[in-house]
Amino acid sequence: MMAGVRHKDTKPELMVRSFLHRHGFRFRLHRKDLAGKPDIVLPKYRHAVFVHGCFWHQHLGCRKAKRPTTNTHFWDEKLDRNILRDRENLRALIAAGWTVLILWECQIGEERLTALLKEIAGR
């Protein structure tokens, strides 16, 4: 089951990429030279965009972020490591002068994506 979970080119990520491209933004994908290999990088604007899955990155208050009730030790360790790694990557990118935007899987829709455009274009 776990082998079927994608770490890039996910449906929410493709939606964001399509939206940005339709609105004239050009970007790079998964730049290995940046901390955390952001899903979308807009070098012109120095923005790094992460499209996080609510479960894997434990979106607070989201119903999709419910932790499994079996094998809890394994899942708690794994998900806590993901959260810690996300924080470290965020700090490293900000220290390097990047603006980091995090889009959660459950929030991706026209309204949130339009706000993303305004955030990018406003800087």
PDB file of N, CA and C in Angstrom:
ATOM      1  N   MET A   1       0.819  -1.195   0.000  1.00  0.00           N
ATOM      2  CA  MET A   1       0.000   0.000   0.000  1.00  0.00           C
ATOM      3  C   MET A   1       0.864   1.261   0.000  1.00  0.00           C
ATOM      4  N   MET A   2       1.881   1.284   0.855  1.00  0.00           N
ATOM      5  CA  MET A   2       2.728   2.470   0.974  1.00  0.00           C
ATOM      6  C   MET A   2       3.480   2.753  -0.317  1.00  0.00           C
ATOM      7  N   ALA A   3       3.796   1.717  -1.063  1.00  0.00           N
ATOM      8  CA  ALA A   3       4.543   1.898  -2.308  1.00  0.00           C
ATOM      9  C   ALA A   3       3.729   2.681  -3.332  1.00  0.00           C
ATOM     10  N   GLY A   4       2.427   2.674  -3.185  1.00  0.00           N
ATOM     11  CA  GLY A   4       1.565   3.385  -4.122  1.00  0.00           C
ATOM     12  C   GLY A   4       1.424   4.871  -3.830  1.00  0.00           C
ATOM     13  N   VAL A   5       1.961   5.318  -2.704  1.00  0.00           N
ATOM     14  CA  VAL A   5       1.857   6.724  -2.319  1.00  0.00           C
ATOM     15  C   VAL A   5       2.925   7.519  -3.067  1.00  0.00           C
ATOM     16  N   ARG A   6       2.487   8.510  -3.807  1.00  0.00           N
ATOM     17  CA  ARG A   6       3.416   9.318  -4.600  1.00  0.00           C
ATOM     18  C   ARG A   6       3.980  10.448  -3.760  1.00  0.00           C
ATOM     19  N   HIS A   7       5.217  10.836  -4.059  1.00  0.00           N
ATOM     20  CA  HIS A   7       5.809  11.948  -3.332  1.00  0.00           C
ATOM     21  C   HIS A   7       5.956  13.181  -4.217  1.00  0.00           C
ATOM     22  N   LYS A   8       5.716  13.040  -5.503  1.00  0.00           N
ATOM     23  CA  LYS A   8       5.666  14.206  -6.378  1.00  0.00           C
ATOM     24  C   LYS A   8       4.689  13.915  -7.508  1.00  0.00           C
ATOM     25  N   ASP A   9       4.298  14.990  -8.194  1.00  0.00           N
ATOM     26  CA  ASP A   9       3.281  14.888  -9.245  1.00  0.00           C
ATOM     27  C   ASP A   9       1.958  14.337  -8.710  1.00  0.00           C
ATOM     28  N   THR A  10       1.605  14.750  -7.507  1.00  0.00           N
ATOM     29  CA  THR A  10       0.329  14.343  -6.932  1.00  0.00           C
ATOM     30  C   THR A  10      -0.779  15.181  -7.559  1.00  0.00           C
ATOM     31  N   LYS A  11      -2.001  14.749  -7.400  1.00  0.00           N
ATOM     32  CA  LYS A  11      -3.136  15.457  -7.985  1.00  0.00           C
ATOM     33  C   LYS A  11      -3.230  16.912  -7.493  1.00  0.00           C
ATOM     34  N   PRO A  12      -3.116  17.163  -6.172  1.00  0.00           N
ATOM     35  CA  PRO A  12      -3.167  18.563  -5.726  1.00  0.00           C
ATOM     36  C   PRO A  12      -2.019  19.394  -6.305  1.00  0.00           C
ATOM     37  N   GLU A  13      -0.842  18.801  -6.386  1.00  0.00           N
ATOM     38  CA  GLU A  13       0.312  19.519  -6.939  1.00  0.00           C
ATOM     39  C   GLU A  13       0.080  19.847  -8.417  1.00  0.00           C
ATOM     40  N   LEU A  14      -0.451  18.912  -9.165  1.00  0.00           N
ATOM     41  CA  LEU A  14      -0.731  19.156 -10.585  1.00  0.00           C
ATOM     42  C   LEU A  14      -1.772  20.255 -10.761  1.00  0.00           C
ATOM     43  N   MET A  15      -2.750  20.313  -9.861  1.00  0.00           N
ATOM     44  CA  MET A  15      -3.764  21.373  -9.926  1.00  0.00           C
ATOM     45  C   MET A  15      -3.128  22.746  -9.729  1.00  0.00           C
ATOM     46  N   VAL A  16      -2.232  22.850  -8.751  1.00  0.00           N
ATOM     47  CA  VAL A  16      -1.563  24.129  -8.470  1.00  0.00           C
ATOM     48  C   VAL A  16      -0.680  24.518  -9.649  1.00  0.00           C
ATOM     49  N   ARG A  17       0.084  23.574 -10.158  1.00  0.00           N
ATOM     50  CA  ARG A  17       0.969  23.858 -11.288  1.00  0.00           C
ATOM     51  C   ARG A  17       0.169  24.318 -12.504  1.00  0.00           C
ATOM     52  N   SER A  18      -0.928  23.643 -12.790  1.00  0.00           N
ATOM     53  CA  SER A  18      -1.772  24.005 -13.921  1.00  0.00           C
ATOM     54  C   SER A  18      -2.334  25.416 -13.747  1.00  0.00           C
ATOM     55  N   PHE A  19      -2.790  25.729 -12.551  1.00  0.00           N
ATOM     56  CA  PHE A  19      -3.345  27.045 -12.252  1.00  0.00           C
ATOM     57  C   PHE A  19      -2.298  28.138 -12.458  1.00  0.00           C
ATOM     58  N   LEU A  20      -1.102  27.924 -11.907  1.00  0.00           N
ATOM     59  CA  LEU A  20      -0.036  28.921 -12.046  1.00  0.00           C
ATOM     60  C   LEU A  20       0.353  29.105 -13.513  1.00  0.00           C
ATOM     61  N   HIS A  21       0.487  28.023 -14.233  1.00  0.00           N
ATOM     62  CA  HIS A  21       0.893  28.096 -15.640  1.00  0.00           C
ATOM     63  C   HIS A  21      -0.162  28.824 -16.468  1.00  0.00           C
ATOM     64  N   ARG A  22      -1.438  28.542 -16.212  1.00  0.00           N
ATOM     65  CA  ARG A  22      -2.538  29.219 -16.912  1.00  0.00           C
ATOM     66  C   ARG A  22      -2.514  30.722 -16.692  1.00  0.00           C
ATOM     67  N   HIS A  23      -2.010  31.148 -15.544  1.00  0.00           N
ATOM     68  CA  HIS A  23      -1.970  32.571 -15.221  1.00  0.00           C
ATOM     69  C   HIS A  23      -0.624  33.209 -15.542  1.00  0.00           C
ATOM     70  N   GLY A  24       0.182  32.531 -16.328  1.00  0.00           N
ATOM     71  CA  GLY A  24       1.395  33.121 -16.860  1.00  0.00           C
ATOM     72  C   GLY A  24       2.646  32.985 -16.015  1.00  0.00           C
ATOM     73  N   PHE A  25       2.574  32.253 -14.924  1.00  0.00           N
ATOM     74  CA  PHE A  25       3.755  32.069 -14.082  1.00  0.00           C
ATOM     75  C   PHE A  25       4.580  30.909 -14.613  1.00  0.00           C
ATOM     76  N   ARG A  26       5.881  31.099 -14.597  1.00  0.00           N
ATOM     77  CA  ARG A  26       6.786  30.027 -14.990  1.00  0.00           C
ATOM     78  C   ARG A  26       7.576  29.616 -13.768  1.00  0.00           C
ATOM     79  N   PHE A  27       7.839  28.345 -13.644  1.00  0.00           N
ATOM     80  CA  PHE A  27       8.413  27.834 -12.412  1.00  0.00           C
ATOM     81  C   PHE A  27       9.295  26.630 -12.677  1.00  0.00           C
ATOM     82  N   ARG A  28      10.002  26.232 -11.660  1.00  0.00           N
ATOM     83  CA  ARG A  28      10.822  25.034 -11.679  1.00  0.00           C
ATOM     84  C   ARG A  28      10.236  24.061 -10.659  1.00  0.00           C
ATOM     85  N   LEU A  29      10.486  22.781 -10.871  1.00  0.00           N
ATOM     86  CA  LEU A  29       9.938  21.754  -9.994  1.00  0.00           C
ATOM     87  C   LEU A  29      11.038  21.074  -9.185  1.00  0.00           C
ATOM     88  N   HIS A  30      10.769  20.852  -7.911  1.00  0.00           N
ATOM     89  CA  HIS A  30      11.589  20.006  -7.051  1.00  0.00           C
ATOM     90  C   HIS A  30      13.084  20.313  -7.143  1.00  0.00           C
ATOM     91  N   ARG A  31      13.446  21.573  -6.974  1.00  0.00           N
ATOM     92  CA  ARG A  31      14.872  21.946  -7.054  1.00  0.00           C
ATOM     93  C   ARG A  31      15.650  21.304  -5.924  1.00  0.00           C
ATOM     94  N   LYS A  32      16.602  20.497  -6.302  1.00  0.00           N
ATOM     95  CA  LYS A  32      17.374  19.731  -5.328  1.00  0.00           C
ATOM     96  C   LYS A  32      18.341  20.590  -4.529  1.00  0.00           C
ATOM     97  N   ASP A  33      18.668  21.778  -5.038  1.00  0.00           N
ATOM     98  CA  ASP A  33      19.612  22.642  -4.326  1.00  0.00           C
ATOM     99  C   ASP A  33      18.948  23.451  -3.217  1.00  0.00           C
ATOM    100  N   LEU A  34      17.644  23.363  -3.070  1.00  0.00           N
ATOM    101  CA  LEU A  34      16.924  24.074  -2.009  1.00  0.00           C
ATOM    102  C   LEU A  34      16.484  23.088  -0.932  1.00  0.00           C
ATOM    103  N   ALA A  35      16.482  23.545   0.288  1.00  0.00           N
ATOM    104  CA  ALA A  35      16.092  22.694   1.419  1.00  0.00           C
ATOM    105  C   ALA A  35      14.679  22.161   1.220  1.00  0.00           C
ATOM    106  N   GLY A  36      14.512  20.869   1.363  1.00  0.00           N
ATOM    107  CA  GLY A  36      13.200  20.253   1.269  1.00  0.00           C
ATOM    108  C   GLY A  36      12.703  20.016  -0.136  1.00  0.00           C
ATOM    109  N   LYS A  37      13.479  20.365  -1.150  1.00  0.00           N
ATOM    110  CA  LYS A  37      13.074  20.223  -2.556  1.00  0.00           C
ATOM    111  C   LYS A  37      11.621  20.681  -2.759  1.00  0.00           C
ATOM    112  N   PRO A  38      11.376  21.996  -2.687  1.00  0.00           N
ATOM    113  CA  PRO A  38       9.997  22.502  -2.810  1.00  0.00           C
ATOM    114  C   PRO A  38       9.317  21.975  -4.070  1.00  0.00           C
ATOM    115  N   ASP A  39       8.016  21.755  -3.968  1.00  0.00           N
ATOM    116  CA  ASP A  39       7.253  21.229  -5.096  1.00  0.00           C
ATOM    117  C   ASP A  39       7.298  22.181  -6.282  1.00  0.00           C
ATOM    118  N   ILE A  40       7.174  23.471  -6.007  1.00  0.00           N
ATOM    119  CA  ILE A  40       7.166  24.486  -7.064  1.00  0.00           C
ATOM    120  C   ILE A  40       8.070  25.630  -6.619  1.00  0.00           C
ATOM    121  N   VAL A  41       8.954  26.053  -7.500  1.00  0.00           N
ATOM    122  CA  VAL A  41       9.861  27.155  -7.191  1.00  0.00           C
ATOM    123  C   VAL A  41       9.680  28.234  -8.254  1.00  0.00           C
ATOM    124  N   LEU A  42       9.398  29.446  -7.808  1.00  0.00           N
ATOM    125  CA  LEU A  42       9.263  30.587  -8.705  1.00  0.00           C
ATOM    126  C   LEU A  42      10.505  31.462  -8.497  1.00  0.00           C
ATOM    127  N   PRO A  43      11.582  31.182  -9.253  1.00  0.00           N
ATOM    128  CA  PRO A  43      12.851  31.881  -9.017  1.00  0.00           C
ATOM    129  C   PRO A  43      12.752  33.393  -9.186  1.00  0.00           C
ATOM    130  N   LYS A  44      11.961  33.844 -10.139  1.00  0.00           N
ATOM    131  CA  LYS A  44      11.821  35.278 -10.404  1.00  0.00           C
ATOM    132  C   LYS A  44      11.306  36.016  -9.166  1.00  0.00           C
ATOM    133  N   TYR A  45      10.433  35.371  -8.419  1.00  0.00           N
ATOM    134  CA  TYR A  45       9.816  35.985  -7.244  1.00  0.00           C
ATOM    135  C   TYR A  45      10.452  35.504  -5.930  1.00  0.00           C
ATOM    136  N   ARG A  46      11.381  34.576  -6.012  1.00  0.00           N
ATOM    137  CA  ARG A  46      12.020  33.938  -4.855  1.00  0.00           C
ATOM    138  C   ARG A  46      10.976  33.349  -3.904  1.00  0.00           C
ATOM    139  N   HIS A  47      10.047  32.611  -4.487  1.00  0.00           N
ATOM    140  CA  HIS A  47       9.010  31.919  -3.727  1.00  0.00           C
ATOM    141  C   HIS A  47       9.192  30.415  -3.886  1.00  0.00           C
ATOM    142  N   ALA A  48       9.053  29.716  -2.783  1.00  0.00           N
ATOM    143  CA  ALA A  48       9.052  28.260  -2.792  1.00  0.00           C
ATOM    144  C   ALA A  48       7.680  27.814  -2.306  1.00  0.00           C
ATOM    145  N   VAL A  49       7.038  26.948  -3.064  1.00  0.00           N
ATOM    146  CA  VAL A  49       5.685  26.502  -2.727  1.00  0.00           C
ATOM    147  C   VAL A  49       5.721  25.004  -2.427  1.00  0.00           C
ATOM    148  N   PHE A  50       5.203  24.662  -1.263  1.00  0.00           N
ATOM    149  CA  PHE A  50       5.041  23.266  -0.888  1.00  0.00           C
ATOM    150  C   PHE A  50       3.559  22.934  -0.953  1.00  0.00           C
ATOM    151  N   VAL A  51       3.219  21.838  -1.602  1.00  0.00           N
ATOM    152  CA  VAL A  51       1.838  21.349  -1.619  1.00  0.00           C
ATOM    153  C   VAL A  51       1.833  20.125  -0.707  1.00  0.00           C
ATOM    154  N   HIS A  52       1.361  20.328   0.519  1.00  0.00           N
ATOM    155  CA  HIS A  52       1.421  19.279   1.532  1.00  0.00           C
ATOM    156  C   HIS A  52       0.147  18.455   1.571  1.00  0.00           C
ATOM    157  N   GLY A  53       0.332  17.153   1.702  1.00  0.00           N
ATOM    158  CA  GLY A  53      -0.787  16.258   1.981  1.00  0.00           C
ATOM    159  C   GLY A  53      -1.132  16.369   3.453  1.00  0.00           C
ATOM    160  N   CYS A  54      -2.394  16.480   3.752  1.00  0.00           N
ATOM    161  CA  CYS A  54      -2.822  16.714   5.138  1.00  0.00           C
ATOM    162  C   CYS A  54      -2.399  15.582   6.077  1.00  0.00           C
ATOM    163  N   PHE A  55      -2.469  14.341   5.625  1.00  0.00           N
ATOM    164  CA  PHE A  55      -2.091  13.225   6.484  1.00  0.00           C
ATOM    165  C   PHE A  55      -0.585  13.192   6.711  1.00  0.00           C
ATOM    166  N   TRP A  56       0.186  13.219   5.652  1.00  0.00           N
ATOM    167  CA  TRP A  56       1.631  13.036   5.767  1.00  0.00           C
ATOM    168  C   TRP A  56       2.334  14.174   6.494  1.00  0.00           C
ATOM    169  N   HIS A  57       1.771  15.366   6.412  1.00  0.00           N
ATOM    170  CA  HIS A  57       2.396  16.513   7.067  1.00  0.00           C
ATOM    171  C   HIS A  57       1.590  17.000   8.268  1.00  0.00           C
ATOM    172  N   GLN A  58       0.542  16.260   8.631  1.00  0.00           N
ATOM    173  CA  GLN A  58      -0.269  16.486   9.819  1.00  0.00           C
ATOM    174  C   GLN A  58      -0.812  17.905   9.924  1.00  0.00           C
ATOM    175  N   HIS A  59      -1.709  18.239   9.014  1.00  0.00           N
ATOM    176  CA  HIS A  59      -2.383  19.529   9.000  1.00  0.00           C
ATOM    177  C   HIS A  59      -3.263  19.640  10.250  1.00  0.00           C
ATOM    178  N   LEU A  60      -2.930  20.579  11.116  1.00  0.00           N
ATOM    179  CA  LEU A  60      -3.663  20.735  12.371  1.00  0.00           C
ATOM    180  C   LEU A  60      -5.131  21.057  12.128  1.00  0.00           C
ATOM    181  N   GLY A  61      -5.985  20.339  12.824  1.00  0.00           N
ATOM    182  CA  GLY A  61      -7.408  20.591  12.741  1.00  0.00           C
ATOM    183  C   GLY A  61      -8.092  20.001  11.519  1.00  0.00           C
ATOM    184  N   CYS A  62      -7.377  19.291  10.692  1.00  0.00           N
ATOM    185  CA  CYS A  62      -7.961  18.722   9.474  1.00  0.00           C
ATOM    186  C   CYS A  62      -8.392  17.279   9.735  1.00  0.00           C
ATOM    187  N   ARG A  63      -9.545  16.930   9.216  1.00  0.00           N
ATOM    188  CA  ARG A  63     -10.041  15.569   9.429  1.00  0.00           C
ATOM    189  C   ARG A  63      -9.195  14.532   8.692  1.00  0.00           C
ATOM    190  N   LYS A  64      -8.467  14.954   7.662  1.00  0.00           N
ATOM    191  CA  LYS A  64      -7.626  14.029   6.908  1.00  0.00           C
ATOM    192  C   LYS A  64      -6.313  13.720   7.631  1.00  0.00           C
ATOM    193  N   ALA A  65      -6.025  14.442   8.697  1.00  0.00           N
ATOM    194  CA  ALA A  65      -4.766  14.284   9.415  1.00  0.00           C
ATOM    195  C   ALA A  65      -4.880  13.324  10.595  1.00  0.00           C
ATOM    196  N   LYS A  66      -5.919  12.537  10.629  1.00  0.00           N
ATOM    197  CA  LYS A  66      -6.126  11.599  11.739  1.00  0.00           C
ATOM    198  C   LYS A  66      -5.059  10.507  11.703  1.00  0.00           C
ATOM    199  N   ARG A  67      -4.415  10.311  12.830  1.00  0.00           N
ATOM    200  CA  ARG A  67      -3.362   9.300  12.915  1.00  0.00           C
ATOM    201  C   ARG A  67      -3.972   7.899  13.032  1.00  0.00           C
ATOM    202  N   PRO A  68      -3.296   6.923  12.443  1.00  0.00           N
ATOM    203  CA  PRO A  68      -3.796   5.542  12.522  1.00  0.00           C
ATOM    204  C   PRO A  68      -3.839   5.041  13.971  1.00  0.00           C
ATOM    205  N   THR A  69      -4.757   4.145  14.237  1.00  0.00           N
ATOM    206  CA  THR A  69      -4.901   3.612  15.592  1.00  0.00           C
ATOM    207  C   THR A  69      -4.171   2.288  15.770  1.00  0.00           C
ATOM    208  N   THR A  70      -3.625   1.740  14.696  1.00  0.00           N
ATOM    209  CA  THR A  70      -2.826   0.530  14.807  1.00  0.00           C
ATOM    210  C   THR A  70      -1.372   0.878  14.537  1.00  0.00           C
ATOM    211  N   ASN A  71      -0.489   0.122  15.135  1.00  0.00           N
ATOM    212  CA  ASN A  71       0.950   0.341  14.988  1.00  0.00           C
ATOM    213  C   ASN A  71       1.298   1.803  15.312  1.00  0.00           C
ATOM    214  N   THR A  72       0.753   2.306  16.391  1.00  0.00           N
ATOM    215  CA  THR A  72       0.855   3.726  16.724  1.00  0.00           C
ATOM    216  C   THR A  72       2.283   4.199  16.941  1.00  0.00           C
ATOM    217  N   HIS A  73       3.127   3.358  17.518  1.00  0.00           N
ATOM    218  CA  HIS A  73       4.518   3.769  17.742  1.00  0.00           C
ATOM    219  C   HIS A  73       5.192   4.119  16.420  1.00  0.00           C
ATOM    220  N   PHE A  74       5.045   3.268  15.428  1.00  0.00           N
ATOM    221  CA  PHE A  74       5.638   3.509  14.111  1.00  0.00           C
ATOM    222  C   PHE A  74       5.105   4.804  13.504  1.00  0.00           C
ATOM    223  N   TRP A  75       3.779   4.963  13.496  1.00  0.00           N
ATOM    224  CA  TRP A  75       3.176   6.121  12.838  1.00  0.00           C
ATOM    225  C   TRP A  75       3.490   7.418  13.579  1.00  0.00           C
ATOM    226  N   ASP A  76       3.489   7.385  14.896  1.00  0.00           N
ATOM    227  CA  ASP A  76       3.823   8.591  15.647  1.00  0.00           C
ATOM    228  C   ASP A  76       5.244   9.037  15.338  1.00  0.00           C
ATOM    229  N   GLU A  77       6.182   8.095  15.340  1.00  0.00           N
ATOM    230  CA  GLU A  77       7.571   8.426  15.008  1.00  0.00           C
ATOM    231  C   GLU A  77       7.691   8.993  13.603  1.00  0.00           C
ATOM    232  N   LYS A  78       7.088   8.316  12.654  1.00  0.00           N
ATOM    233  CA  LYS A  78       7.189   8.710  11.247  1.00  0.00           C
ATOM    234  C   LYS A  78       6.597  10.099  11.018  1.00  0.00           C
ATOM    235  N   LEU A  79       5.398  10.322  11.494  1.00  0.00           N
ATOM    236  CA  LEU A  79       4.721  11.592  11.243  1.00  0.00           C
ATOM    237  C   LEU A  79       5.383  12.742  12.022  1.00  0.00           C
ATOM    238  N   ASP A  80       5.876  12.453  13.226  1.00  0.00           N
ATOM    239  CA  ASP A  80       6.590  13.485  13.986  1.00  0.00           C
ATOM    240  C   ASP A  80       7.887  13.879  13.281  1.00  0.00           C
ATOM    241  N   ARG A  81       8.577  12.902  12.681  1.00  0.00           N
ATOM    242  CA  ARG A  81       9.796  13.206  11.911  1.00  0.00           C
ATOM    243  C   ARG A  81       9.462  14.091  10.712  1.00  0.00           C
ATOM    244  N   ASN A  82       8.338  13.810  10.052  1.00  0.00           N
ATOM    245  CA  ASN A  82       7.925  14.639   8.909  1.00  0.00           C
ATOM    246  C   ASN A  82       7.698  16.085   9.339  1.00  0.00           C
ATOM    247  N   ILE A  83       7.031  16.267  10.459  1.00  0.00           N
ATOM    248  CA  ILE A  83       6.744  17.610  10.966  1.00  0.00           C
ATOM    249  C   ILE A  83       8.047  18.338  11.298  1.00  0.00           C
ATOM    250  N   LEU A  84       8.959  17.648  11.975  1.00  0.00           N
ATOM    251  CA  LEU A  84      10.244  18.237  12.336  1.00  0.00           C
ATOM    252  C   LEU A  84      11.041  18.612  11.088  1.00  0.00           C
ATOM    253  N   ARG A  85      11.087  17.721  10.109  1.00  0.00           N
ATOM    254  CA  ARG A  85      11.811  17.991   8.867  1.00  0.00           C
ATOM    255  C   ARG A  85      11.205  19.186   8.125  1.00  0.00           C
ATOM    256  N   ASP A  86       9.890  19.283   8.122  1.00  0.00           N
ATOM    257  CA  ASP A  86       9.231  20.432   7.482  1.00  0.00           C
ATOM    258  C   ASP A  86       9.654  21.743   8.139  1.00  0.00           C
ATOM    259  N   ARG A  87       9.708  21.759   9.465  1.00  0.00           N
ATOM    260  CA  ARG A  87      10.121  22.968  10.187  1.00  0.00           C
ATOM    261  C   ARG A  87      11.555  23.352   9.859  1.00  0.00           C
ATOM    262  N   GLU A  88      12.433  22.365   9.831  1.00  0.00           N
ATOM    263  CA  GLU A  88      13.847  22.627   9.524  1.00  0.00           C
ATOM    264  C   GLU A  88      14.003  23.170   8.104  1.00  0.00           C
ATOM    265  N   ASN A  89      13.283  22.586   7.160  1.00  0.00           N
ATOM    266  CA  ASN A  89      13.351  23.051   5.770  1.00  0.00           C
ATOM    267  C   ASN A  89      12.814  24.469   5.643  1.00  0.00           C
ATOM    268  N   LEU A  90      11.747  24.761   6.349  1.00  0.00           N
ATOM    269  CA  LEU A  90      11.154  26.096   6.335  1.00  0.00           C
ATOM    270  C   LEU A  90      12.155  27.129   6.859  1.00  0.00           C
ATOM    271  N   ARG A  91      12.786  26.830   7.972  1.00  0.00           N
ATOM    272  CA  ARG A  91      13.788  27.746   8.546  1.00  0.00           C
ATOM    273  C   ARG A  91      14.952  27.965   7.586  1.00  0.00           C
ATOM    274  N   ALA A  92      15.429  26.894   6.969  1.00  0.00           N
ATOM    275  CA  ALA A  92      16.572  26.999   6.060  1.00  0.00           C
ATOM    276  C   ALA A  92      16.229  27.851   4.843  1.00  0.00           C
ATOM    277  N   LEU A  93      15.045  27.684   4.291  1.00  0.00           N
ATOM    278  CA  LEU A  93      14.643  28.472   3.119  1.00  0.00           C
ATOM    279  C   LEU A  93      14.477  29.948   3.478  1.00  0.00           C
ATOM    280  N   ILE A  94      13.869  30.227   4.612  1.00  0.00           N
ATOM    281  CA  ILE A  94      13.693  31.612   5.040  1.00  0.00           C
ATOM    282  C   ILE A  94      15.053  32.258   5.295  1.00  0.00           C
ATOM    283  N   ALA A  95      15.962  31.517   5.911  1.00  0.00           N
ATOM    284  CA  ALA A  95      17.305  32.042   6.171  1.00  0.00           C
ATOM    285  C   ALA A  95      18.048  32.332   4.871  1.00  0.00           C
ATOM    286  N   ALA A  96      17.725  31.592   3.815  1.00  0.00           N
ATOM    287  CA  ALA A  96      18.364  31.800   2.516  1.00  0.00           C
ATOM    288  C   ALA A  96      17.674  32.901   1.707  1.00  0.00           C
ATOM    289  N   GLY A  97      16.648  33.531   2.276  1.00  0.00           N
ATOM    290  CA  GLY A  97      15.997  34.649   1.610  1.00  0.00           C
ATOM    291  C   GLY A  97      14.803  34.281   0.740  1.00  0.00           C
ATOM    292  N   TRP A  98      14.266  33.090   0.910  1.00  0.00           N
ATOM    293  CA  TRP A  98      13.109  32.660   0.136  1.00  0.00           C
ATOM    294  C   TRP A  98      11.828  32.909   0.911  1.00  0.00           C
ATOM    295  N   THR A  99      10.756  33.202   0.191  1.00  0.00           N
ATOM    296  CA  THR A  99       9.433  33.262   0.791  1.00  0.00           C
ATOM    297  C   THR A  99       8.814  31.890   0.589  1.00  0.00           C
ATOM    298  N   VAL A 100       8.330  31.298   1.660  1.00  0.00           N
ATOM    299  CA  VAL A 100       7.793  29.939   1.590  1.00  0.00           C
ATOM    300  C   VAL A 100       6.278  29.985   1.735  1.00  0.00           C
ATOM    301  N   LEU A 101       5.604  29.332   0.820  1.00  0.00           N
ATOM    302  CA  LEU A 101       4.148  29.226   0.868  1.00  0.00           C
ATOM    303  C   LEU A 101       3.790  27.755   0.995  1.00  0.00           C
ATOM    304  N   ILE A 102       2.906  27.448   1.923  1.00  0.00           N
ATOM    305  CA  ILE A 102       2.467  26.068   2.104  1.00  0.00           C
ATOM    306  C   ILE A 102       0.991  25.988   1.758  1.00  0.00           C
ATOM    307  N   LEU A 103       0.682  25.122   0.821  1.00  0.00           N
ATOM    308  CA  LEU A 103      -0.705  24.873   0.438  1.00  0.00           C
ATOM    309  C   LEU A 103      -1.075  23.485   0.930  1.00  0.00           C
ATOM    310  N   TRP A 104      -2.179  23.395   1.633  1.00  0.00           N
ATOM    311  CA  TRP A 104      -2.626  22.106   2.150  1.00  0.00           C
ATOM    312  C   TRP A 104      -3.597  21.483   1.167  1.00  0.00           C
ATOM    313  N   GLU A 105      -3.519  20.182   1.056  1.00  0.00           N
ATOM    314  CA  GLU A 105      -4.344  19.396   0.137  1.00  0.00           C
ATOM    315  C   GLU A 105      -5.834  19.732   0.272  1.00  0.00           C
ATOM    316  N   CYS A 106      -6.309  19.916   1.502  1.00  0.00           N
ATOM    317  CA  CYS A 106      -7.736  20.154   1.727  1.00  0.00           C
ATOM    318  C   CYS A 106      -8.155  21.574   1.366  1.00  0.00           C
ATOM    319  N   GLN A 107      -7.200  22.488   1.183  1.00  0.00           N
ATOM    320  CA  GLN A 107      -7.533  23.890   0.924  1.00  0.00           C
ATOM    321  C   GLN A 107      -7.411  24.276  -0.542  1.00  0.00           C
ATOM    322  N   ILE A 108      -6.972  23.365  -1.369  1.00  0.00           N
ATOM    323  CA  ILE A 108      -6.736  23.726  -2.762  1.00  0.00           C
ATOM    324  C   ILE A 108      -8.069  23.857  -3.491  1.00  0.00           C
ATOM    325  N   GLY A 109      -8.310  25.049  -3.959  1.00  0.00           N
ATOM    326  CA  GLY A 109      -9.514  25.384  -4.696  1.00  0.00           C
ATOM    327  C   GLY A 109      -9.291  26.745  -5.329  1.00  0.00           C
ATOM    328  N   GLU A 110     -10.210  27.194  -6.142  1.00  0.00           N
ATOM    329  CA  GLU A 110     -10.052  28.463  -6.855  1.00  0.00           C
ATOM    330  C   GLU A 110      -9.777  29.626  -5.911  1.00  0.00           C
ATOM    331  N   GLU A 111     -10.492  29.676  -4.798  1.00  0.00           N
ATOM    332  CA  GLU A 111     -10.349  30.798  -3.867  1.00  0.00           C
ATOM    333  C   GLU A 111      -8.928  30.845  -3.284  1.00  0.00           C
ATOM    334  N   ARG A 112      -8.440  29.704  -2.820  1.00  0.00           N
ATOM    335  CA  ARG A 112      -7.102  29.651  -2.220  1.00  0.00           C
ATOM    336  C   ARG A 112      -6.023  29.899  -3.272  1.00  0.00           C
ATOM    337  N   LEU A 113      -6.209  29.389  -4.470  1.00  0.00           N
ATOM    338  CA  LEU A 113      -5.219  29.578  -5.527  1.00  0.00           C
ATOM    339  C   LEU A 113      -5.190  31.036  -5.990  1.00  0.00           C
ATOM    340  N   THR A 114      -6.329  31.698  -6.004  1.00  0.00           N
ATOM    341  CA  THR A 114      -6.362  33.118  -6.348  1.00  0.00           C
ATOM    342  C   THR A 114      -5.609  33.925  -5.289  1.00  0.00           C
ATOM    343  N   ALA A 115      -5.774  33.555  -4.022  1.00  0.00           N
ATOM    344  CA  ALA A 115      -5.023  34.224  -2.953  1.00  0.00           C
ATOM    345  C   ALA A 115      -3.532  33.987  -3.125  1.00  0.00           C
ATOM    346  N   LEU A 116      -3.156  32.808  -3.602  1.00  0.00           N
ATOM    347  CA  LEU A 116      -1.748  32.507  -3.868  1.00  0.00           C
ATOM    348  C   LEU A 116      -1.201  33.431  -4.941  1.00  0.00           C
ATOM    349  N   LEU A 117      -1.975  33.642  -6.006  1.00  0.00           N
ATOM    350  CA  LEU A 117      -1.538  34.566  -7.070  1.00  0.00           C
ATOM    351  C   LEU A 117      -1.299  35.965  -6.533  1.00  0.00           C
ATOM    352  N   LYS A 118      -2.223  36.426  -5.701  1.00  0.00           N
ATOM    353  CA  LYS A 118      -2.084  37.771  -5.134  1.00  0.00           C
ATOM    354  C   LYS A 118      -0.854  37.858  -4.240  1.00  0.00           C
ATOM    355  N   GLU A 119      -0.586  36.795  -3.502  1.00  0.00           N
ATOM    356  CA  GLU A 119       0.580  36.760  -2.625  1.00  0.00           C
ATOM    357  C   GLU A 119       1.868  36.849  -3.447  1.00  0.00           C
ATOM    358  N   ILE A 120       1.934  36.101  -4.518  1.00  0.00           N
ATOM    359  CA  ILE A 120       3.137  36.089  -5.345  1.00  0.00           C
ATOM    360  C   ILE A 120       3.300  37.411  -6.093  1.00  0.00           C
ATOM    361  N   ALA A 121       2.244  37.870  -6.725  1.00  0.00           N
ATOM    362  CA  ALA A 121       2.302  39.086  -7.529  1.00  0.00           C
ATOM    363  C   ALA A 121       2.480  40.338  -6.674  1.00  0.00           C
ATOM    364  N   GLY A 122       2.036  40.274  -5.430  1.00  0.00           N
ATOM    365  CA  GLY A 122       2.127  41.437  -4.547  1.00  0.00           C
ATOM    366  C   GLY A 122       3.518  41.732  -4.063  1.00  0.00           C
ATOM    367  N   ARG A 123       4.452  40.831  -4.253  1.00  0.00           N
ATOM    368  CA  ARG A 123       5.814  41.031  -3.732  1.00  0.00           C
ATOM    369  C   ARG A 123       6.738  41.437  -4.831  1.00  0.00           C
TER     370      ARG A 123
END
